[in-house]
Amino acid sequence: MRPISKGAEPADFTQWKKGESPDWNPGWDDLDGTAIKSTVKESLLREQGYVCCYCEQQVEKADSHIEHLESRHDFPQRSLDYTNLLACCTREKPRVPKHCGSRKGHRSLRVHPLLPDCREYFVFTGSGDVRPTDVPARNEMAREAISILGLDIGKLVAMRKSALDGFIQALAEVEPERAKALLARMDARDAQGRNMPFASTILSVVQPRSSP
């Protein structure tokens, strides 16, 4: 989970919501099949550098869905609030095994990617496993998030390990200065505006943080 900085919502989404009148109260389901919903999703993907808001795997328009951080069923007043929208993996059906947004459902998260320090709640290992930080103030919330989102399922563990192994191999094949440059750019987007998938895993293992 990497921090996401929310930007401005698409102008046509704003304009569409302004169409509210005594005869029409815009709702989330009214967006189904519209070009506006497609524009919103593309905006979210660009905002996140084309990685899932929760697990950080690479996502595209075709295999992602729009996630409500606070459930639109429990918080209907936020269903069209752009600051409550994220791009999430697992659009495919059936969503098996369930993880990330499809597993979260209506449940709330106390640790989420809109928190600037969300990375500090998790520790990853060289085998791709994830565990909560040992910091007492964060441990329980991290454990809860891992369970709710299924971040520890075998599928994601294997994907993280593959990404980590590939990066470590790349480091081993270049000169030390080049390796330093690769590490320095871990959190930088590429020329297409994309973040590196599973960057938090790689940084946690290759550049482990010291305990506060």
N, C-alpha and C. Protein backbone atom coordinates (compact mmCIF):
# COMPACT_ATOMS: atom_id res chain seq x y z
N MET A 1 0.85 -1.19 0.00
CA MET A 1 0.00 0.00 0.00
C MET A 1 0.89 1.24 0.00
N ARG A 2 0.73 2.07 -1.01
CA ARG A 2 1.54 3.29 -1.09
C ARG A 2 0.61 4.50 -0.98
N PRO A 3 1.09 5.62 -0.44
CA PRO A 3 0.21 6.79 -0.28
C PRO A 3 -0.23 7.36 -1.62
N ILE A 4 -1.47 7.77 -1.67
CA ILE A 4 -2.06 8.37 -2.88
C ILE A 4 -2.43 9.81 -2.56
N SER A 5 -1.99 10.71 -3.41
CA SER A 5 -2.34 12.12 -3.26
C SER A 5 -3.47 12.43 -4.24
N LYS A 6 -4.62 12.75 -3.72
CA LYS A 6 -5.78 13.01 -4.57
C LYS A 6 -5.64 14.37 -5.27
N GLY A 7 -6.01 14.36 -6.56
CA GLY A 7 -6.01 15.60 -7.32
C GLY A 7 -7.43 16.07 -7.57
N ALA A 8 -7.57 17.00 -8.50
CA ALA A 8 -8.91 17.52 -8.83
C ALA A 8 -9.68 16.49 -9.64
N GLU A 9 -10.97 16.44 -9.45
CA GLU A 9 -11.78 15.51 -10.21
C GLU A 9 -11.93 16.00 -11.65
N PRO A 10 -12.23 15.11 -12.60
CA PRO A 10 -12.43 15.51 -13.99
C PRO A 10 -13.53 16.56 -14.12
N ALA A 11 -13.31 17.52 -14.99
CA ALA A 11 -14.26 18.62 -15.15
C ALA A 11 -15.64 18.14 -15.58
N ASP A 12 -15.70 17.11 -16.45
CA ASP A 12 -17.02 16.68 -16.91
C ASP A 12 -17.78 15.94 -15.80
N PHE A 13 -17.06 15.35 -14.85
CA PHE A 13 -17.70 14.72 -13.69
C PHE A 13 -18.32 15.80 -12.82
N THR A 14 -17.58 16.88 -12.61
CA THR A 14 -18.09 18.01 -11.83
C THR A 14 -19.33 18.59 -12.50
N GLN A 15 -19.26 18.76 -13.80
CA GLN A 15 -20.37 19.35 -14.54
C GLN A 15 -21.59 18.45 -14.49
N TRP A 16 -21.38 17.16 -14.61
CA TRP A 16 -22.48 16.20 -14.57
C TRP A 16 -23.20 16.27 -13.22
N LYS A 17 -22.46 16.37 -12.13
CA LYS A 17 -23.07 16.45 -10.81
C LYS A 17 -23.85 17.75 -10.62
N LYS A 18 -23.42 18.79 -11.32
CA LYS A 18 -24.12 20.06 -11.22
C LYS A 18 -25.48 20.03 -11.90
N GLY A 19 -25.75 18.96 -12.64
CA GLY A 19 -27.04 18.83 -13.31
C GLY A 19 -28.18 18.44 -12.38
N GLU A 20 -27.86 18.28 -11.09
CA GLU A 20 -28.90 17.92 -10.12
C GLU A 20 -30.02 18.96 -10.14
N SER A 21 -31.24 18.46 -10.05
CA SER A 21 -32.41 19.33 -10.08
C SER A 21 -33.52 18.69 -9.26
N PRO A 22 -34.65 19.40 -9.08
CA PRO A 22 -35.78 18.80 -8.35
C PRO A 22 -36.27 17.52 -9.01
N ASP A 23 -35.99 17.38 -10.32
CA ASP A 23 -36.47 16.19 -11.03
C ASP A 23 -35.40 15.10 -11.16
N TRP A 24 -34.17 15.43 -10.77
CA TRP A 24 -33.10 14.42 -10.92
C TRP A 24 -32.05 14.59 -9.85
N ASN A 25 -31.85 13.52 -9.10
CA ASN A 25 -30.82 13.50 -8.06
C ASN A 25 -29.76 12.49 -8.50
N PRO A 26 -28.60 12.96 -8.98
CA PRO A 26 -27.60 12.03 -9.52
C PRO A 26 -27.12 11.02 -8.50
N GLY A 27 -27.04 9.77 -8.92
CA GLY A 27 -26.55 8.70 -8.07
C GLY A 27 -25.46 7.91 -8.77
N TRP A 28 -24.73 7.09 -8.02
CA TRP A 28 -23.63 6.34 -8.59
C TRP A 28 -24.07 5.44 -9.74
N ASP A 29 -25.21 4.78 -9.59
CA ASP A 29 -25.66 3.85 -10.63
C ASP A 29 -25.99 4.57 -11.93
N ASP A 30 -26.24 5.87 -11.87
CA ASP A 30 -26.54 6.62 -13.09
C ASP A 30 -25.31 6.75 -13.99
N LEU A 31 -24.14 6.47 -13.43
CA LEU A 31 -22.90 6.58 -14.21
C LEU A 31 -22.61 5.34 -15.04
N ASP A 32 -23.29 4.23 -14.75
CA ASP A 32 -23.01 2.98 -15.45
C ASP A 32 -23.09 3.13 -16.96
N GLY A 33 -22.03 2.70 -17.63
CA GLY A 33 -22.03 2.72 -19.08
C GLY A 33 -21.79 4.07 -19.72
N THR A 34 -21.48 5.09 -18.91
CA THR A 34 -21.30 6.43 -19.46
C THR A 34 -19.83 6.73 -19.72
N ALA A 35 -19.60 7.67 -20.62
CA ALA A 35 -18.23 8.12 -20.89
C ALA A 35 -17.64 8.82 -19.68
N ILE A 36 -18.51 9.42 -18.86
CA ILE A 36 -18.03 10.14 -17.68
C ILE A 36 -17.39 9.17 -16.68
N LYS A 37 -18.02 8.02 -16.48
CA LYS A 37 -17.45 7.03 -15.55
C LYS A 37 -16.10 6.55 -16.07
N SER A 38 -15.99 6.36 -17.37
CA SER A 38 -14.73 5.95 -17.97
C SER A 38 -13.66 7.01 -17.75
N THR A 39 -14.04 8.28 -17.86
CA THR A 39 -13.11 9.38 -17.63
C THR A 39 -12.65 9.41 -16.18
N VAL A 40 -13.58 9.18 -15.26
CA VAL A 40 -13.23 9.15 -13.83
C VAL A 40 -12.23 8.04 -13.56
N LYS A 41 -12.47 6.85 -14.11
CA LYS A 41 -11.55 5.73 -13.88
C LYS A 41 -10.17 6.04 -14.43
N GLU A 42 -10.11 6.60 -15.61
CA GLU A 42 -8.81 6.94 -16.20
C GLU A 42 -8.08 7.97 -15.35
N SER A 43 -8.82 8.92 -14.79
CA SER A 43 -8.22 9.92 -13.92
C SER A 43 -7.64 9.28 -12.67
N LEU A 44 -8.37 8.32 -12.10
CA LEU A 44 -7.89 7.63 -10.90
C LEU A 44 -6.64 6.80 -11.20
N LEU A 45 -6.64 6.13 -12.33
CA LEU A 45 -5.48 5.32 -12.71
C LEU A 45 -4.24 6.20 -12.88
N ARG A 46 -4.40 7.33 -13.54
CA ARG A 46 -3.27 8.25 -13.72
C ARG A 46 -2.77 8.76 -12.36
N GLU A 47 -3.72 9.06 -11.49
CA GLU A 47 -3.41 9.57 -10.16
C GLU A 47 -2.56 8.57 -9.38
N GLN A 48 -2.83 7.30 -9.57
CA GLN A 48 -2.16 6.23 -8.82
C GLN A 48 -0.97 5.62 -9.58
N GLY A 49 -0.70 6.12 -10.76
CA GLY A 49 0.40 5.57 -11.53
C GLY A 49 0.13 4.15 -12.00
N TYR A 50 -1.14 3.83 -12.20
CA TYR A 50 -1.57 2.53 -12.75
C TYR A 50 -1.17 1.35 -11.86
N VAL A 51 -1.26 1.53 -10.55
CA VAL A 51 -1.14 0.41 -9.63
C VAL A 51 -2.35 0.40 -8.71
N CYS A 52 -2.74 -0.79 -8.27
CA CYS A 52 -3.91 -0.94 -7.40
C CYS A 52 -3.72 -0.15 -6.11
N CYS A 53 -4.78 0.47 -5.66
CA CYS A 53 -4.72 1.31 -4.46
C CYS A 53 -4.34 0.53 -3.20
N TYR A 54 -4.58 -0.79 -3.19
CA TYR A 54 -4.31 -1.57 -1.99
C TYR A 54 -3.08 -2.49 -2.13
N CYS A 55 -3.05 -3.32 -3.16
CA CYS A 55 -1.98 -4.32 -3.25
C CYS A 55 -0.80 -3.87 -4.11
N GLU A 56 -0.97 -2.83 -4.92
CA GLU A 56 0.08 -2.26 -5.76
C GLU A 56 0.41 -3.08 -7.00
N GLN A 57 -0.41 -4.05 -7.36
CA GLN A 57 -0.15 -4.72 -8.63
C GLN A 57 -0.53 -3.78 -9.77
N GLN A 58 0.05 -4.00 -10.93
CA GLN A 58 -0.25 -3.15 -12.08
C GLN A 58 -1.71 -3.32 -12.47
N VAL A 59 -2.38 -2.22 -12.78
CA VAL A 59 -3.77 -2.29 -13.23
C VAL A 59 -3.95 -1.41 -14.47
N GLU A 60 -4.87 -1.82 -15.29
CA GLU A 60 -5.24 -1.07 -16.48
C GLU A 60 -6.74 -0.80 -16.42
N LYS A 61 -7.23 -0.07 -17.38
CA LYS A 61 -8.64 0.29 -17.40
C LYS A 61 -9.52 -0.96 -17.46
N ALA A 62 -9.07 -1.95 -18.24
CA ALA A 62 -9.90 -3.13 -18.49
C ALA A 62 -9.98 -4.08 -17.30
N ASP A 63 -8.96 -4.09 -16.43
CA ASP A 63 -8.96 -5.07 -15.34
C ASP A 63 -9.06 -4.43 -13.96
N SER A 64 -9.57 -3.20 -13.91
CA SER A 64 -9.72 -2.50 -12.64
C SER A 64 -11.16 -2.05 -12.44
N HIS A 65 -11.48 -1.71 -11.20
CA HIS A 65 -12.80 -1.13 -10.94
C HIS A 65 -12.63 0.08 -10.04
N ILE A 66 -13.67 0.90 -9.98
CA ILE A 66 -13.64 2.07 -9.12
C ILE A 66 -14.09 1.66 -7.73
N GLU A 67 -13.22 1.91 -6.78
CA GLU A 67 -13.43 1.52 -5.39
C GLU A 67 -13.87 2.72 -4.55
N HIS A 68 -14.88 2.51 -3.71
CA HIS A 68 -15.28 3.53 -2.74
C HIS A 68 -14.56 3.22 -1.43
N LEU A 69 -13.66 4.09 -1.00
CA LEU A 69 -12.94 3.85 0.24
C LEU A 69 -13.93 3.71 1.39
N GLU A 70 -14.84 4.65 1.52
CA GLU A 70 -15.96 4.50 2.45
C GLU A 70 -17.14 4.00 1.64
N SER A 71 -17.67 2.87 2.00
CA SER A 71 -18.72 2.20 1.25
C SER A 71 -19.87 3.13 0.87
N ARG A 72 -20.27 3.07 -0.39
CA ARG A 72 -21.39 3.92 -0.83
C ARG A 72 -22.72 3.47 -0.23
N HIS A 73 -22.76 2.23 0.27
CA HIS A 73 -23.98 1.76 0.92
C HIS A 73 -24.09 2.32 2.34
N ASP A 74 -22.96 2.41 3.02
CA ASP A 74 -22.97 2.94 4.39
C ASP A 74 -22.78 4.45 4.44
N PHE A 75 -22.18 5.00 3.39
CA PHE A 75 -21.95 6.45 3.31
C PHE A 75 -22.45 6.97 1.96
N PRO A 76 -23.76 6.88 1.71
CA PRO A 76 -24.29 7.28 0.40
C PRO A 76 -23.97 8.72 0.03
N GLN A 77 -23.79 9.56 1.03
CA GLN A 77 -23.47 10.96 0.76
C GLN A 77 -22.10 11.13 0.13
N ARG A 78 -21.27 10.07 0.19
CA ARG A 78 -19.92 10.14 -0.38
C ARG A 78 -19.78 9.32 -1.67
N SER A 79 -20.88 8.82 -2.19
CA SER A 79 -20.80 7.94 -3.35
C SER A 79 -20.27 8.65 -4.59
N LEU A 80 -20.48 9.96 -4.69
CA LEU A 80 -20.00 10.74 -5.84
C LEU A 80 -18.88 11.70 -5.46
N ASP A 81 -18.30 11.47 -4.29
CA ASP A 81 -17.22 12.31 -3.79
C ASP A 81 -15.90 11.78 -4.35
N TYR A 82 -15.28 12.55 -5.22
CA TYR A 82 -14.05 12.08 -5.88
C TYR A 82 -12.96 11.74 -4.88
N THR A 83 -12.91 12.42 -3.76
CA THR A 83 -11.89 12.14 -2.75
C THR A 83 -12.10 10.79 -2.08
N ASN A 84 -13.25 10.16 -2.34
CA ASN A 84 -13.55 8.85 -1.77
C ASN A 84 -13.36 7.73 -2.80
N LEU A 85 -12.90 8.08 -3.99
CA LEU A 85 -12.79 7.11 -5.07
C LEU A 85 -11.33 6.73 -5.33
N LEU A 86 -11.11 5.44 -5.59
CA LEU A 86 -9.79 4.90 -5.88
C LEU A 86 -9.90 3.90 -7.02
N ALA A 87 -8.79 3.60 -7.65
CA ALA A 87 -8.77 2.55 -8.68
C ALA A 87 -8.22 1.28 -8.05
N CYS A 88 -8.97 0.20 -8.19
CA CYS A 88 -8.63 -1.05 -7.52
C CYS A 88 -8.59 -2.21 -8.52
N CYS A 89 -7.81 -3.23 -8.21
CA CYS A 89 -7.73 -4.41 -9.06
C CYS A 89 -8.99 -5.28 -8.89
N THR A 90 -8.96 -6.46 -9.43
CA THR A 90 -10.04 -7.47 -9.33
C THR A 90 -11.36 -7.00 -9.92
N ARG A 91 -11.32 -6.60 -11.17
CA ARG A 91 -12.58 -6.35 -11.87
C ARG A 91 -13.19 -7.66 -12.36
N GLU A 92 -12.33 -8.66 -12.61
CA GLU A 92 -12.78 -9.91 -13.20
C GLU A 92 -13.81 -10.61 -12.32
N LYS A 93 -14.67 -11.37 -12.94
CA LYS A 93 -15.68 -12.16 -12.21
C LYS A 93 -15.63 -13.59 -12.72
N PRO A 94 -15.77 -14.60 -11.83
CA PRO A 94 -15.83 -14.42 -10.37
C PRO A 94 -14.47 -13.97 -9.82
N ARG A 95 -14.52 -13.18 -8.74
CA ARG A 95 -13.31 -12.65 -8.14
C ARG A 95 -12.76 -13.64 -7.13
N VAL A 96 -12.03 -14.62 -7.65
CA VAL A 96 -11.50 -15.68 -6.80
C VAL A 96 -10.00 -15.79 -7.03
N PRO A 97 -9.18 -15.84 -5.98
CA PRO A 97 -9.58 -15.59 -4.60
C PRO A 97 -9.83 -14.10 -4.38
N LYS A 98 -10.74 -13.80 -3.47
CA LYS A 98 -11.07 -12.40 -3.22
C LYS A 98 -9.95 -11.70 -2.45
N HIS A 99 -9.67 -10.49 -2.87
CA HIS A 99 -8.72 -9.66 -2.14
C HIS A 99 -8.99 -8.20 -2.52
N CYS A 100 -8.34 -7.30 -1.83
CA CYS A 100 -8.47 -5.86 -2.06
C CYS A 100 -9.94 -5.42 -1.98
N GLY A 101 -10.41 -4.61 -2.91
CA GLY A 101 -11.75 -4.05 -2.79
C GLY A 101 -12.86 -5.08 -2.82
N SER A 102 -12.71 -6.14 -3.62
CA SER A 102 -13.77 -7.14 -3.71
C SER A 102 -13.93 -7.91 -2.40
N ARG A 103 -12.86 -7.99 -1.62
CA ARG A 103 -12.93 -8.67 -0.33
C ARG A 103 -13.36 -7.70 0.78
N LYS A 104 -12.94 -6.47 0.65
CA LYS A 104 -13.26 -5.46 1.67
C LYS A 104 -14.76 -5.25 1.83
N GLY A 105 -15.49 -5.20 0.71
CA GLY A 105 -16.93 -4.99 0.80
C GLY A 105 -17.29 -3.69 1.48
N HIS A 106 -18.19 -3.76 2.47
CA HIS A 106 -18.65 -2.55 3.15
C HIS A 106 -17.80 -2.18 4.36
N ARG A 107 -16.79 -3.00 4.65
CA ARG A 107 -16.02 -2.76 5.87
C ARG A 107 -15.14 -1.51 5.75
N SER A 108 -14.86 -0.92 6.88
CA SER A 108 -14.04 0.28 6.93
C SER A 108 -12.58 -0.07 7.21
N LEU A 109 -11.68 0.76 6.73
CA LEU A 109 -10.26 0.58 6.97
C LEU A 109 -9.73 1.73 7.82
N ARG A 110 -8.97 1.38 8.84
CA ARG A 110 -8.32 2.43 9.62
C ARG A 110 -6.96 2.79 9.03
N VAL A 111 -6.42 1.89 8.20
CA VAL A 111 -5.19 2.16 7.45
C VAL A 111 -5.56 2.08 5.98
N HIS A 112 -5.32 3.14 5.25
CA HIS A 112 -5.69 3.18 3.83
C HIS A 112 -4.71 4.07 3.08
N PRO A 113 -4.72 4.01 1.75
CA PRO A 113 -3.69 4.73 0.97
C PRO A 113 -3.83 6.25 0.93
N LEU A 114 -4.86 6.81 1.54
CA LEU A 114 -4.94 8.27 1.62
C LEU A 114 -4.20 8.80 2.85
N LEU A 115 -3.69 7.89 3.67
CA LEU A 115 -2.84 8.30 4.80
C LEU A 115 -1.41 8.45 4.30
N PRO A 116 -0.77 9.59 4.49
CA PRO A 116 0.59 9.80 3.98
C PRO A 116 1.61 8.79 4.52
N ASP A 117 1.34 8.23 5.71
CA ASP A 117 2.30 7.30 6.30
C ASP A 117 1.82 5.85 6.23
N CYS A 118 0.92 5.53 5.30
CA CYS A 118 0.34 4.18 5.26
C CYS A 118 1.40 3.09 5.10
N ARG A 119 2.50 3.38 4.44
CA ARG A 119 3.55 2.38 4.25
C ARG A 119 4.17 1.95 5.57
N GLU A 120 4.16 2.84 6.54
CA GLU A 120 4.84 2.57 7.80
C GLU A 120 4.14 1.49 8.63
N TYR A 121 2.96 1.07 8.20
CA TYR A 121 2.19 0.09 8.96
C TYR A 121 2.55 -1.36 8.58
N PHE A 122 3.28 -1.54 7.48
CA PHE A 122 3.52 -2.88 6.95
C PHE A 122 4.99 -3.17 6.76
N VAL A 123 5.34 -4.44 6.94
CA VAL A 123 6.71 -4.91 6.69
C VAL A 123 6.61 -6.10 5.75
N PHE A 124 7.47 -6.12 4.73
CA PHE A 124 7.48 -7.22 3.76
C PHE A 124 8.77 -8.01 3.90
N THR A 125 8.72 -9.27 3.50
CA THR A 125 9.90 -10.13 3.58
C THR A 125 10.37 -10.52 2.19
N GLY A 126 11.56 -11.11 2.12
CA GLY A 126 12.10 -11.53 0.84
C GLY A 126 11.29 -12.61 0.17
N SER A 127 10.42 -13.29 0.91
CA SER A 127 9.57 -14.33 0.32
C SER A 127 8.23 -13.77 -0.17
N GLY A 128 8.06 -12.43 -0.03
CA GLY A 128 6.82 -11.81 -0.50
C GLY A 128 5.73 -11.72 0.54
N ASP A 129 6.01 -12.22 1.73
CA ASP A 129 5.01 -12.16 2.81
C ASP A 129 4.88 -10.74 3.34
N VAL A 130 3.73 -10.46 3.95
CA VAL A 130 3.50 -9.17 4.57
C VAL A 130 3.09 -9.40 6.02
N ARG A 131 3.55 -8.54 6.89
CA ARG A 131 3.15 -8.61 8.30
C ARG A 131 2.99 -7.21 8.83
N PRO A 132 2.25 -7.05 9.91
CA PRO A 132 2.11 -5.71 10.50
C PRO A 132 3.40 -5.27 11.15
N THR A 133 3.61 -3.97 11.19
CA THR A 133 4.77 -3.44 11.88
C THR A 133 4.73 -3.82 13.35
N ASP A 134 5.89 -3.83 13.98
CA ASP A 134 5.96 -4.12 15.41
C ASP A 134 5.65 -2.89 16.26
N VAL A 135 5.52 -1.74 15.62
CA VAL A 135 5.23 -0.51 16.37
C VAL A 135 3.84 -0.66 17.01
N PRO A 136 3.75 -0.63 18.32
CA PRO A 136 2.48 -0.91 19.01
C PRO A 136 1.30 -0.06 18.55
N ALA A 137 1.52 1.21 18.30
CA ALA A 137 0.41 2.10 17.94
C ALA A 137 -0.16 1.78 16.56
N ARG A 138 0.60 1.03 15.76
CA ARG A 138 0.16 0.74 14.39
C ARG A 138 -0.15 -0.74 14.15
N ASN A 139 0.33 -1.59 15.03
CA ASN A 139 0.26 -3.03 14.80
C ASN A 139 -1.15 -3.54 14.58
N GLU A 140 -2.06 -3.21 15.47
CA GLU A 140 -3.43 -3.74 15.38
C GLU A 140 -4.14 -3.26 14.12
N MET A 141 -3.96 -1.99 13.77
CA MET A 141 -4.62 -1.45 12.59
C MET A 141 -4.07 -2.10 11.32
N ALA A 142 -2.77 -2.36 11.30
CA ALA A 142 -2.16 -3.01 10.14
C ALA A 142 -2.64 -4.45 10.02
N ARG A 143 -2.70 -5.16 11.14
CA ARG A 143 -3.18 -6.54 11.13
C ARG A 143 -4.61 -6.61 10.60
N GLU A 144 -5.42 -5.66 11.01
CA GLU A 144 -6.81 -5.59 10.58
C GLU A 144 -6.90 -5.35 9.07
N ALA A 145 -6.08 -4.43 8.56
CA ALA A 145 -6.10 -4.12 7.13
C ALA A 145 -5.67 -5.32 6.30
N ILE A 146 -4.63 -6.03 6.74
CA ILE A 146 -4.16 -7.21 6.03
C ILE A 146 -5.27 -8.25 5.93
N SER A 147 -6.00 -8.43 7.01
CA SER A 147 -7.09 -9.40 7.04
C SER A 147 -8.25 -8.97 6.15
N ILE A 148 -8.67 -7.72 6.28
CA ILE A 148 -9.82 -7.22 5.51
C ILE A 148 -9.55 -7.27 4.01
N LEU A 149 -8.34 -6.91 3.61
CA LEU A 149 -8.00 -6.83 2.18
C LEU A 149 -7.41 -8.12 1.63
N GLY A 150 -7.09 -9.06 2.50
CA GLY A 150 -6.49 -10.32 2.02
C GLY A 150 -5.11 -10.11 1.44
N LEU A 151 -4.35 -9.18 1.99
CA LEU A 151 -3.04 -8.88 1.44
C LEU A 151 -2.03 -10.02 1.64
N ASP A 152 -2.40 -10.99 2.47
CA ASP A 152 -1.49 -12.11 2.74
C ASP A 152 -1.86 -13.38 2.00
N ILE A 153 -2.79 -13.31 1.04
CA ILE A 153 -3.17 -14.53 0.31
C ILE A 153 -2.02 -14.97 -0.59
N GLY A 154 -1.99 -16.26 -0.92
CA GLY A 154 -0.90 -16.83 -1.70
C GLY A 154 -0.68 -16.15 -3.03
N LYS A 155 -1.75 -15.77 -3.69
CA LYS A 155 -1.64 -15.13 -5.01
C LYS A 155 -0.80 -13.85 -4.92
N LEU A 156 -1.09 -13.00 -3.94
CA LEU A 156 -0.36 -11.74 -3.81
C LEU A 156 1.06 -11.96 -3.29
N VAL A 157 1.24 -12.93 -2.40
CA VAL A 157 2.58 -13.25 -1.92
C VAL A 157 3.47 -13.64 -3.09
N ALA A 158 2.94 -14.49 -3.99
CA ALA A 158 3.71 -14.95 -5.15
C ALA A 158 4.03 -13.79 -6.10
N MET A 159 3.07 -12.88 -6.29
CA MET A 159 3.29 -11.74 -7.18
C MET A 159 4.35 -10.80 -6.61
N ARG A 160 4.30 -10.58 -5.31
CA ARG A 160 5.30 -9.71 -4.68
C ARG A 160 6.69 -10.33 -4.76
N LYS A 161 6.76 -11.64 -4.51
CA LYS A 161 8.08 -12.32 -4.57
C LYS A 161 8.66 -12.25 -5.98
N SER A 162 7.81 -12.43 -6.98
CA SER A 162 8.29 -12.37 -8.37
C SER A 162 8.84 -10.98 -8.70
N ALA A 163 8.10 -9.95 -8.27
CA ALA A 163 8.56 -8.57 -8.52
C ALA A 163 9.86 -8.29 -7.79
N LEU A 164 9.95 -8.76 -6.55
CA LEU A 164 11.15 -8.55 -5.75
C LEU A 164 12.35 -9.28 -6.34
N ASP A 165 12.16 -10.55 -6.72
CA ASP A 165 13.25 -11.33 -7.30
C ASP A 165 13.75 -10.68 -8.59
N GLY A 166 12.80 -10.19 -9.39
CA GLY A 166 13.19 -9.56 -10.65
C GLY A 166 14.01 -8.30 -10.42
N PHE A 167 13.63 -7.52 -9.43
CA PHE A 167 14.36 -6.28 -9.16
C PHE A 167 15.74 -6.58 -8.60
N ILE A 168 15.82 -7.53 -7.68
CA ILE A 168 17.12 -7.89 -7.10
C ILE A 168 18.06 -8.43 -8.18
N GLN A 169 17.51 -9.21 -9.11
CA GLN A 169 18.31 -9.72 -10.21
C GLN A 169 18.82 -8.58 -11.08
N ALA A 170 17.95 -7.59 -11.33
CA ALA A 170 18.34 -6.43 -12.13
C ALA A 170 19.48 -5.66 -11.45
N LEU A 171 19.40 -5.52 -10.12
CA LEU A 171 20.46 -4.84 -9.39
C LEU A 171 21.79 -5.58 -9.50
N ALA A 172 21.71 -6.91 -9.48
CA ALA A 172 22.92 -7.72 -9.50
C ALA A 172 23.63 -7.65 -10.85
N GLU A 173 22.90 -7.27 -11.87
CA GLU A 173 23.46 -7.30 -13.23
C GLU A 173 24.02 -5.96 -13.68
N VAL A 174 23.97 -4.95 -12.82
CA VAL A 174 24.47 -3.62 -13.22
C VAL A 174 25.57 -3.16 -12.27
N GLU A 175 26.28 -2.14 -12.70
CA GLU A 175 27.34 -1.56 -11.88
C GLU A 175 26.74 -0.90 -10.64
N PRO A 176 27.54 -0.79 -9.57
CA PRO A 176 27.03 -0.21 -8.31
C PRO A 176 26.37 1.15 -8.48
N GLU A 177 26.95 2.03 -9.30
CA GLU A 177 26.36 3.36 -9.48
C GLU A 177 25.00 3.27 -10.15
N ARG A 178 24.90 2.35 -11.10
CA ARG A 178 23.62 2.14 -11.79
C ARG A 178 22.59 1.56 -10.83
N ALA A 179 23.04 0.67 -9.95
CA ALA A 179 22.14 0.09 -8.95
C ALA A 179 21.61 1.16 -8.02
N LYS A 180 22.49 2.09 -7.61
CA LYS A 180 22.05 3.19 -6.75
C LYS A 180 21.01 4.05 -7.46
N ALA A 181 21.22 4.27 -8.75
CA ALA A 181 20.28 5.08 -9.52
C ALA A 181 18.92 4.39 -9.62
N LEU A 182 18.93 3.08 -9.79
CA LEU A 182 17.67 2.33 -9.86
C LEU A 182 16.91 2.44 -8.55
N LEU A 183 17.62 2.31 -7.43
CA LEU A 183 16.99 2.42 -6.12
C LEU A 183 16.44 3.83 -5.89
N ALA A 184 17.20 4.82 -6.34
CA ALA A 184 16.77 6.21 -6.14
C ALA A 184 15.50 6.53 -6.90
N ARG A 185 15.27 5.79 -8.00
CA ARG A 185 14.09 6.07 -8.82
C ARG A 185 12.91 5.13 -8.52
N MET A 186 13.04 4.35 -7.47
CA MET A 186 12.00 3.36 -7.15
C MET A 186 10.62 3.98 -7.05
N ASP A 187 10.54 5.16 -6.47
CA ASP A 187 9.24 5.80 -6.27
C ASP A 187 8.94 6.85 -7.34
N ALA A 188 9.78 6.93 -8.35
CA ALA A 188 9.55 7.89 -9.43
C ALA A 188 8.75 7.21 -10.54
N ARG A 189 7.87 7.96 -11.17
CA ARG A 189 7.10 7.40 -12.28
C ARG A 189 7.96 7.36 -13.54
N ASP A 190 7.63 6.42 -14.41
CA ASP A 190 8.37 6.33 -15.67
C ASP A 190 7.84 7.35 -16.66
N ALA A 191 8.33 7.29 -17.88
CA ALA A 191 7.97 8.28 -18.89
C ALA A 191 6.49 8.24 -19.24
N GLN A 192 5.84 7.11 -18.97
CA GLN A 192 4.40 6.98 -19.23
C GLN A 192 3.55 7.31 -18.00
N GLY A 193 4.20 7.81 -16.95
CA GLY A 193 3.47 8.18 -15.74
C GLY A 193 3.08 7.00 -14.88
N ARG A 194 3.81 5.90 -14.99
CA ARG A 194 3.46 4.69 -14.24
C ARG A 194 4.41 4.45 -13.07
N ASN A 195 3.83 4.05 -11.96
CA ASN A 195 4.63 3.66 -10.80
C ASN A 195 5.07 2.21 -10.96
N MET A 196 6.15 1.84 -10.29
CA MET A 196 6.59 0.45 -10.31
C MET A 196 5.66 -0.39 -9.44
N PRO A 197 5.11 -1.47 -9.98
CA PRO A 197 4.26 -2.35 -9.16
C PRO A 197 5.05 -2.90 -7.97
N PHE A 198 4.38 -3.00 -6.83
CA PHE A 198 4.94 -3.57 -5.61
C PHE A 198 6.19 -2.84 -5.12
N ALA A 199 6.25 -1.54 -5.38
CA ALA A 199 7.41 -0.76 -4.94
C ALA A 199 7.57 -0.80 -3.43
N SER A 200 6.47 -0.80 -2.69
CA SER A 200 6.58 -0.81 -1.22
C SER A 200 7.23 -2.09 -0.73
N THR A 201 6.93 -3.21 -1.38
CA THR A 201 7.56 -4.49 -1.02
C THR A 201 9.06 -4.41 -1.25
N ILE A 202 9.43 -3.94 -2.44
CA ILE A 202 10.84 -3.89 -2.81
C ILE A 202 11.62 -2.96 -1.87
N LEU A 203 11.06 -1.80 -1.59
CA LEU A 203 11.75 -0.85 -0.70
C LEU A 203 11.86 -1.41 0.72
N SER A 204 10.82 -2.11 1.17
CA SER A 204 10.82 -2.65 2.52
C SER A 204 11.95 -3.69 2.69
N VAL A 205 12.21 -4.45 1.63
CA VAL A 205 13.23 -5.51 1.71
C VAL A 205 14.62 -4.97 1.38
N VAL A 206 14.73 -4.19 0.33
CA VAL A 206 16.02 -3.72 -0.13
C VAL A 206 16.55 -2.55 0.69
N GLN A 207 15.62 -1.69 1.12
CA GLN A 207 16.00 -0.55 1.96
C GLN A 207 15.14 -0.53 3.21
N PRO A 208 15.31 -1.50 4.10
CA PRO A 208 14.46 -1.57 5.29
C PRO A 208 14.55 -0.32 6.14
N ARG A 209 13.38 0.07 6.68
CA ARG A 209 13.35 1.25 7.55
C ARG A 209 13.85 0.91 8.95
N SER A 210 14.46 1.88 9.60
CA SER A 210 14.80 1.67 11.00
C SER A 210 13.59 1.95 11.86
N SER A 211 13.49 1.23 12.99
CA SER A 211 12.36 1.42 13.88
C SER A 211 12.42 2.80 14.50
N PRO A 212 11.23 3.43 14.68
CA PRO A 212 11.22 4.75 15.30
C PRO A 212 11.63 4.68 16.76
